[in-house]
């Protein structure tokens, strides 16, 4: 399987904490790191391109069998405050 090369502004998906599927935007690509922004909360982090998936289906296929695909939103956090 050939790794997808992401460009600035591309939409991608990441598996967060081994069980949460989250949508991200690629802000900047260097040789071995990508700077991404989470769509749901705007947080920015650096990760390796190998953690990014081009499609949601591709990311769901890589989830462990006991994990449920779930997109986080602000309601997940507001119940604790």
Protein backbone atom coordinates (compact mmCIF):
# COMPACT_ATOMS: atom_id res chain seq x y z
CA UNK A 1 0.00 0.00 0.00
CA UNK A 2 1.43 3.36 -1.07
CA UNK A 3 1.19 6.15 1.51
CA UNK A 4 -0.82 9.17 0.44
CA UNK A 5 1.17 12.39 0.22
CA UNK A 6 -0.86 15.16 1.81
CA UNK A 7 -0.77 18.76 0.67
CA UNK A 8 -1.51 21.96 2.59
CA UNK A 9 -5.27 22.38 3.00
CA UNK A 10 -6.15 18.70 2.50
CA UNK A 11 -8.87 17.11 4.61
CA UNK A 12 -7.77 13.97 6.44
CA UNK A 13 -8.83 11.71 9.29
CA UNK A 14 -6.94 10.61 12.37
CA UNK A 15 -7.59 7.94 14.99
CA UNK A 16 -7.26 9.59 18.39
CA UNK A 17 -6.63 7.56 21.57
CA UNK A 18 -6.97 4.30 19.61
CA UNK A 19 -10.76 4.63 19.37
CA UNK A 20 -11.96 8.09 18.32
CA UNK A 21 -12.16 9.09 14.68
CA UNK A 22 -11.57 12.81 14.10
CA UNK A 23 -11.51 14.99 11.01
CA UNK A 24 -8.50 17.28 10.52
CA UNK A 25 -7.14 19.82 8.05
CA UNK A 26 -3.48 19.63 7.03
CA UNK A 27 -1.91 23.06 7.57
CA UNK A 28 1.72 22.39 6.69
CA UNK A 29 3.74 19.41 5.49
CA UNK A 30 7.45 19.01 6.08
CA UNK A 31 9.63 16.04 5.25
CA UNK A 32 8.63 13.87 8.21
CA UNK A 33 5.90 15.81 10.08
CA UNK A 34 2.52 17.35 9.37
CA UNK A 35 0.94 20.21 11.26
CA UNK A 36 -2.80 19.58 11.48
CA UNK A 37 -5.84 21.39 12.88
CA UNK A 38 -8.77 19.49 14.37
CA UNK A 39 -11.99 20.57 12.65
CA UNK A 40 -14.14 20.19 15.76
CA UNK A 41 -12.16 22.26 18.27
CA UNK A 42 -9.43 24.06 16.32
CA UNK A 43 -6.51 22.57 18.25
CA UNK A 44 -3.24 22.33 16.31
CA UNK A 45 -0.68 19.52 16.68
CA UNK A 46 2.27 17.97 14.84
CA UNK A 47 2.12 14.31 13.84
CA UNK A 48 3.73 11.88 11.45
CA UNK A 49 1.97 11.52 8.09
CA UNK A 50 1.58 7.77 8.73
CA UNK A 51 -1.14 8.58 11.32
CA UNK A 52 -3.29 10.35 8.72
CA UNK A 53 -5.89 8.67 6.56
CA UNK A 54 -7.26 10.00 3.29
CA UNK A 55 -10.84 8.76 3.77
CA UNK A 56 -13.08 8.07 6.73
CA UNK A 57 -13.63 4.49 5.58
CA UNK A 58 -9.88 3.85 5.46
CA UNK A 59 -9.55 5.08 9.06
CA UNK A 60 -12.51 3.01 10.29
CA UNK A 61 -10.96 -0.11 8.73
CA UNK A 62 -7.83 0.45 10.85
CA UNK A 63 -9.72 0.75 14.16
CA UNK A 64 -9.39 -2.16 16.60
CA UNK A 65 -12.39 -4.53 16.56
CA UNK A 66 -13.64 -3.46 19.99
CA UNK A 67 -13.51 0.28 19.24
CA UNK A 68 -16.54 2.12 17.98
CA UNK A 69 -16.01 4.92 15.46
CA UNK A 70 -17.06 8.10 17.19
CA UNK A 71 -16.53 11.69 16.29
CA UNK A 72 -16.04 13.94 19.28
CA UNK A 73 -17.89 17.18 19.66
CA UNK A 74 -18.25 19.84 22.32
CA UNK A 75 -21.11 17.96 24.03
CA UNK A 76 -18.69 15.22 25.08
CA UNK A 77 -16.83 17.71 27.24
CA UNK A 78 -19.62 19.97 28.50
CA UNK A 79 -21.23 17.25 30.60
CA UNK A 80 -18.17 17.28 32.91
CA UNK A 81 -18.18 21.04 33.53
